[in-house]
Amino acid sequence: MHQTLSAIVTEGQELAALHQAIERLAARSCLDINAPSTIRHLMSGNFAALPEASPTLCGELRQMQTLLYRLEDSNSEDIGIAGLQRLRRQHGEIIAAHAGNKA
């Protein structure tokens, strides 16, 4: 299945918005999201190793980072149209929830 240029541009903009939301939440949580050890602890669920941030914010950040990885790695051949629609819906919900939370 071929994507149109406008779909590719839109997808890039959506991923950029998710990246920005992750960066804002990480800054609010006092986490260096670019540090490999932070990502490792975050993705493994080892929030105790990240004492500067609350477990609740770590959980939200982990969910957002997981969604970002899934969106970046997936395409319609892998998960189908319904799967892509579900991921896009989750993406929209996360962006809407964090749109007003600027660091």
N, C-alpha and C. Protein backbone atom coordinates (compact mmCIF):
# COMPACT_ATOMS: atom_id res chain seq x y z
N MET A 1 0.86 -1.18 0.00
CA MET A 1 0.00 0.00 0.00
C MET A 1 0.90 1.24 0.00
N HIS A 2 0.66 2.17 -0.90
CA HIS A 2 1.48 3.37 -1.02
C HIS A 2 0.82 4.53 -0.29
N GLN A 3 1.66 5.30 0.41
CA GLN A 3 1.15 6.49 1.08
C GLN A 3 1.25 7.68 0.14
N THR A 4 0.30 8.59 0.27
CA THR A 4 0.40 9.82 -0.49
C THR A 4 1.36 10.74 0.22
N LEU A 5 1.86 11.73 -0.48
CA LEU A 5 2.79 12.69 0.10
C LEU A 5 2.16 13.43 1.27
N SER A 6 0.89 13.81 1.14
CA SER A 6 0.24 14.54 2.23
C SER A 6 0.09 13.66 3.47
N ALA A 7 -0.14 12.36 3.28
CA ALA A 7 -0.25 11.45 4.43
C ALA A 7 1.10 11.32 5.13
N ILE A 8 2.18 11.27 4.36
CA ILE A 8 3.52 11.18 4.93
C ILE A 8 3.85 12.45 5.71
N VAL A 9 3.52 13.60 5.17
CA VAL A 9 3.77 14.88 5.84
C VAL A 9 2.97 14.96 7.13
N THR A 10 1.69 14.59 7.06
CA THR A 10 0.83 14.60 8.25
C THR A 10 1.38 13.67 9.32
N GLU A 11 1.78 12.47 8.92
CA GLU A 11 2.34 11.52 9.88
C GLU A 11 3.59 12.08 10.53
N GLY A 12 4.44 12.73 9.76
CA GLY A 12 5.65 13.35 10.30
C GLY A 12 5.32 14.44 11.30
N GLN A 13 4.31 15.23 11.01
CA GLN A 13 3.89 16.29 11.93
C GLN A 13 3.33 15.71 13.22
N GLU A 14 2.57 14.63 13.11
CA GLU A 14 2.01 13.99 14.29
C GLU A 14 3.11 13.39 15.16
N LEU A 15 4.08 12.75 14.54
CA LEU A 15 5.20 12.20 15.31
C LEU A 15 6.00 13.31 15.97
N ALA A 16 6.18 14.42 15.27
CA ALA A 16 6.89 15.56 15.86
C ALA A 16 6.12 16.11 17.06
N ALA A 17 4.80 16.17 16.96
CA ALA A 17 3.98 16.64 18.09
C ALA A 17 4.10 15.69 19.28
N LEU A 18 4.15 14.39 19.02
CA LEU A 18 4.30 13.43 20.10
C LEU A 18 5.68 13.56 20.73
N HIS A 19 6.71 13.74 19.92
CA HIS A 19 8.07 13.98 20.44
C HIS A 19 8.07 15.20 21.36
N GLN A 20 7.43 16.27 20.94
CA GLN A 20 7.38 17.49 21.75
C GLN A 20 6.62 17.27 23.05
N ALA A 21 5.52 16.54 23.00
CA ALA A 21 4.76 16.24 24.21
C ALA A 21 5.61 15.43 25.19
N ILE A 22 6.36 14.48 24.67
CA ILE A 22 7.25 13.66 25.50
C ILE A 22 8.33 14.55 26.13
N GLU A 23 8.91 15.42 25.34
CA GLU A 23 9.96 16.32 25.85
C GLU A 23 9.41 17.24 26.94
N ARG A 24 8.20 17.77 26.75
CA ARG A 24 7.59 18.64 27.77
C ARG A 24 7.34 17.88 29.06
N LEU A 25 6.79 16.67 28.94
CA LEU A 25 6.51 15.88 30.13
C LEU A 25 7.80 15.47 30.83
N ALA A 26 8.82 15.12 30.06
CA ALA A 26 10.11 14.76 30.66
C ALA A 26 10.71 15.95 31.40
N ALA A 27 10.62 17.13 30.81
CA ALA A 27 11.14 18.34 31.47
C ALA A 27 10.36 18.61 32.75
N ARG A 28 9.05 18.46 32.70
CA ARG A 28 8.21 18.65 33.88
C ARG A 28 8.55 17.63 34.97
N SER A 29 9.01 16.46 34.55
CA SER A 29 9.36 15.39 35.47
C SER A 29 10.83 15.46 35.90
N CYS A 30 11.56 16.45 35.38
CA CYS A 30 13.00 16.60 35.66
C CYS A 30 13.80 15.39 35.19
N LEU A 31 13.41 14.82 34.06
CA LEU A 31 14.11 13.68 33.49
C LEU A 31 14.81 14.08 32.20
N ASP A 32 16.01 13.55 32.01
CA ASP A 32 16.74 13.75 30.76
C ASP A 32 16.35 12.61 29.83
N ILE A 33 15.39 12.87 28.98
CA ILE A 33 14.85 11.84 28.09
C ILE A 33 15.87 11.39 27.04
N ASN A 34 16.95 12.13 26.88
CA ASN A 34 17.99 11.75 25.92
C ASN A 34 19.07 10.87 26.53
N ALA A 35 19.02 10.67 27.85
CA ALA A 35 20.01 9.82 28.52
C ALA A 35 19.60 8.35 28.37
N PRO A 36 20.49 7.53 27.83
CA PRO A 36 20.16 6.11 27.65
C PRO A 36 19.72 5.42 28.95
N SER A 37 20.32 5.78 30.07
CA SER A 37 19.93 5.14 31.33
C SER A 37 18.51 5.52 31.72
N THR A 38 18.12 6.75 31.44
CA THR A 38 16.75 7.17 31.74
C THR A 38 15.75 6.36 30.92
N ILE A 39 16.01 6.23 29.64
CA ILE A 39 15.13 5.46 28.76
C ILE A 39 15.08 4.00 29.21
N ARG A 40 16.23 3.45 29.54
CA ARG A 40 16.29 2.06 29.98
C ARG A 40 15.43 1.84 31.23
N HIS A 41 15.58 2.71 32.24
CA HIS A 41 14.79 2.58 33.47
C HIS A 41 13.31 2.83 33.20
N LEU A 42 13.04 3.81 32.39
CA LEU A 42 11.65 4.15 32.07
C LEU A 42 10.95 3.00 31.36
N MET A 43 11.58 2.47 30.32
CA MET A 43 10.93 1.44 29.52
C MET A 43 10.85 0.10 30.26
N SER A 44 11.76 -0.13 31.21
CA SER A 44 11.70 -1.38 31.98
C SER A 44 10.72 -1.27 33.15
N GLY A 45 10.23 -0.04 33.40
CA GLY A 45 9.30 0.17 34.51
C GLY A 45 10.01 0.32 35.84
N ASN A 46 11.31 0.52 35.82
CA ASN A 46 12.11 0.68 37.04
C ASN A 46 12.09 2.15 37.47
N PHE A 47 10.92 2.63 37.89
CA PHE A 47 10.75 4.03 38.23
C PHE A 47 11.49 4.42 39.50
N ALA A 48 11.81 3.45 40.36
CA ALA A 48 12.56 3.74 41.59
C ALA A 48 13.95 4.28 41.26
N ALA A 49 14.47 3.93 40.09
CA ALA A 49 15.78 4.42 39.67
C ALA A 49 15.70 5.85 39.14
N LEU A 50 14.49 6.41 39.10
CA LEU A 50 14.26 7.77 38.61
C LEU A 50 13.58 8.57 39.73
N PRO A 51 14.26 8.77 40.86
CA PRO A 51 13.61 9.39 42.03
C PRO A 51 13.21 10.85 41.81
N GLU A 52 13.76 11.49 40.80
CA GLU A 52 13.43 12.89 40.55
C GLU A 52 12.03 13.08 39.99
N ALA A 53 11.40 12.00 39.54
CA ALA A 53 10.07 12.10 38.93
C ALA A 53 9.08 11.20 39.69
N SER A 54 7.84 11.62 39.68
CA SER A 54 6.80 10.82 40.33
C SER A 54 6.51 9.57 39.50
N PRO A 55 6.15 8.48 40.18
CA PRO A 55 5.81 7.26 39.45
C PRO A 55 4.65 7.47 38.46
N THR A 56 3.71 8.34 38.80
CA THR A 56 2.58 8.60 37.90
C THR A 56 3.07 9.24 36.60
N LEU A 57 3.93 10.25 36.71
CA LEU A 57 4.45 10.90 35.51
C LEU A 57 5.36 9.95 34.73
N CYS A 58 6.12 9.13 35.44
CA CYS A 58 6.95 8.13 34.76
C CYS A 58 6.08 7.17 33.97
N GLY A 59 4.96 6.76 34.55
CA GLY A 59 4.04 5.85 33.86
C GLY A 59 3.48 6.48 32.59
N GLU A 60 3.09 7.76 32.70
CA GLU A 60 2.57 8.46 31.52
C GLU A 60 3.65 8.59 30.45
N LEU A 61 4.85 8.93 30.89
CA LEU A 61 5.96 9.09 29.95
C LEU A 61 6.29 7.76 29.28
N ARG A 62 6.25 6.69 30.04
CA ARG A 62 6.51 5.36 29.48
C ARG A 62 5.46 5.01 28.42
N GLN A 63 4.19 5.30 28.70
CA GLN A 63 3.12 5.02 27.74
C GLN A 63 3.34 5.83 26.46
N MET A 64 3.68 7.09 26.61
CA MET A 64 3.89 7.94 25.44
C MET A 64 5.09 7.47 24.63
N GLN A 65 6.16 7.11 25.31
CA GLN A 65 7.36 6.64 24.62
C GLN A 65 7.08 5.32 23.90
N THR A 66 6.33 4.44 24.54
CA THR A 66 5.95 3.17 23.91
C THR A 66 5.12 3.42 22.66
N LEU A 67 4.17 4.33 22.75
CA LEU A 67 3.35 4.66 21.59
C LEU A 67 4.22 5.22 20.47
N LEU A 68 5.15 6.10 20.82
CA LEU A 68 6.04 6.66 19.81
C LEU A 68 6.82 5.55 19.11
N TYR A 69 7.38 4.63 19.88
CA TYR A 69 8.13 3.52 19.27
C TYR A 69 7.24 2.70 18.35
N ARG A 70 6.03 2.42 18.80
CA ARG A 70 5.11 1.61 17.99
C ARG A 70 4.73 2.34 16.71
N LEU A 71 4.46 3.63 16.81
CA LEU A 71 4.10 4.40 15.60
C LEU A 71 5.27 4.46 14.63
N GLU A 72 6.46 4.64 15.15
CA GLU A 72 7.62 4.73 14.27
C GLU A 72 7.93 3.39 13.60
N ASP A 73 7.67 2.31 14.30
CA ASP A 73 8.03 0.99 13.79
C ASP A 73 6.94 0.30 12.97
N SER A 74 5.74 0.81 13.05
CA SER A 74 4.65 0.09 12.40
C SER A 74 4.27 0.70 11.06
N ASN A 75 3.64 -0.10 10.27
CA ASN A 75 3.03 0.37 9.02
C ASN A 75 1.80 -0.47 8.77
N SER A 76 1.04 -0.12 7.78
CA SER A 76 -0.25 -0.78 7.56
C SER A 76 -0.10 -2.28 7.26
N GLU A 77 1.00 -2.71 6.67
CA GLU A 77 1.19 -4.14 6.40
C GLU A 77 1.38 -4.93 7.69
N ASP A 78 1.95 -4.30 8.72
CA ASP A 78 2.23 -4.99 9.97
C ASP A 78 0.99 -5.14 10.85
N ILE A 79 0.20 -4.08 10.99
CA ILE A 79 -0.90 -4.13 11.95
C ILE A 79 -2.27 -3.88 11.33
N GLY A 80 -2.30 -3.60 10.07
CA GLY A 80 -3.58 -3.40 9.39
C GLY A 80 -4.17 -2.02 9.65
N ILE A 81 -5.20 -1.71 8.92
CA ILE A 81 -5.85 -0.41 9.01
C ILE A 81 -6.46 -0.18 10.39
N ALA A 82 -7.12 -1.18 10.95
CA ALA A 82 -7.74 -1.04 12.27
C ALA A 82 -6.69 -0.76 13.33
N GLY A 83 -5.56 -1.43 13.24
CA GLY A 83 -4.48 -1.20 14.19
C GLY A 83 -3.91 0.20 14.08
N LEU A 84 -3.73 0.68 12.85
CA LEU A 84 -3.25 2.05 12.65
C LEU A 84 -4.25 3.06 13.17
N GLN A 85 -5.52 2.82 12.94
CA GLN A 85 -6.54 3.74 13.43
C GLN A 85 -6.54 3.78 14.95
N ARG A 86 -6.37 2.62 15.61
CA ARG A 86 -6.30 2.56 17.06
C ARG A 86 -5.09 3.35 17.58
N LEU A 87 -3.92 3.17 16.95
CA LEU A 87 -2.73 3.90 17.36
C LEU A 87 -2.90 5.40 17.16
N ARG A 88 -3.50 5.80 16.06
CA ARG A 88 -3.75 7.23 15.80
C ARG A 88 -4.70 7.81 16.84
N ARG A 89 -5.71 7.05 17.21
CA ARG A 89 -6.66 7.50 18.23
C ARG A 89 -5.95 7.68 19.58
N GLN A 90 -5.09 6.72 19.95
CA GLN A 90 -4.32 6.83 21.19
C GLN A 90 -3.40 8.05 21.12
N HIS A 91 -2.79 8.25 19.98
CA HIS A 91 -1.90 9.39 19.78
C HIS A 91 -2.65 10.69 20.00
N GLY A 92 -3.83 10.81 19.39
CA GLY A 92 -4.64 12.02 19.54
C GLY A 92 -5.05 12.27 20.98
N GLU A 93 -5.39 11.20 21.70
CA GLU A 93 -5.78 11.34 23.10
C GLU A 93 -4.63 11.83 23.95
N ILE A 94 -3.44 11.30 23.71
CA ILE A 94 -2.26 11.70 24.49
C ILE A 94 -1.90 13.15 24.18
N ILE A 95 -1.90 13.53 22.92
CA ILE A 95 -1.56 14.90 22.54
C ILE A 95 -2.58 15.87 23.16
N ALA A 96 -3.87 15.52 23.11
CA ALA A 96 -4.90 16.39 23.68
C ALA A 96 -4.74 16.51 25.19
N ALA A 97 -4.39 15.41 25.85
CA ALA A 97 -4.24 15.43 27.31
C ALA A 97 -3.06 16.29 27.76
N HIS A 98 -2.04 16.35 26.94
CA HIS A 98 -0.82 17.06 27.32
C HIS A 98 -0.61 18.37 26.58
N ALA A 99 -1.57 18.78 25.80
CA ALA A 99 -1.42 20.00 24.99
C ALA A 99 -1.21 21.24 25.84
N GLY A 100 -1.85 21.31 26.96
CA GLY A 100 -1.75 22.49 27.82
C GLY A 100 -0.62 22.41 28.83
N ASN A 101 0.09 21.28 28.92
CA ASN A 101 1.15 21.11 29.92
C ASN A 101 2.50 21.47 29.32
N LYS A 102 2.83 22.73 29.31
CA LYS A 102 4.11 23.17 28.76
C LYS A 102 5.06 23.44 29.90
N ALA A 103 6.28 22.95 29.72
CA ALA A 103 7.31 23.15 30.76
C ALA A 103 7.87 24.54 30.71
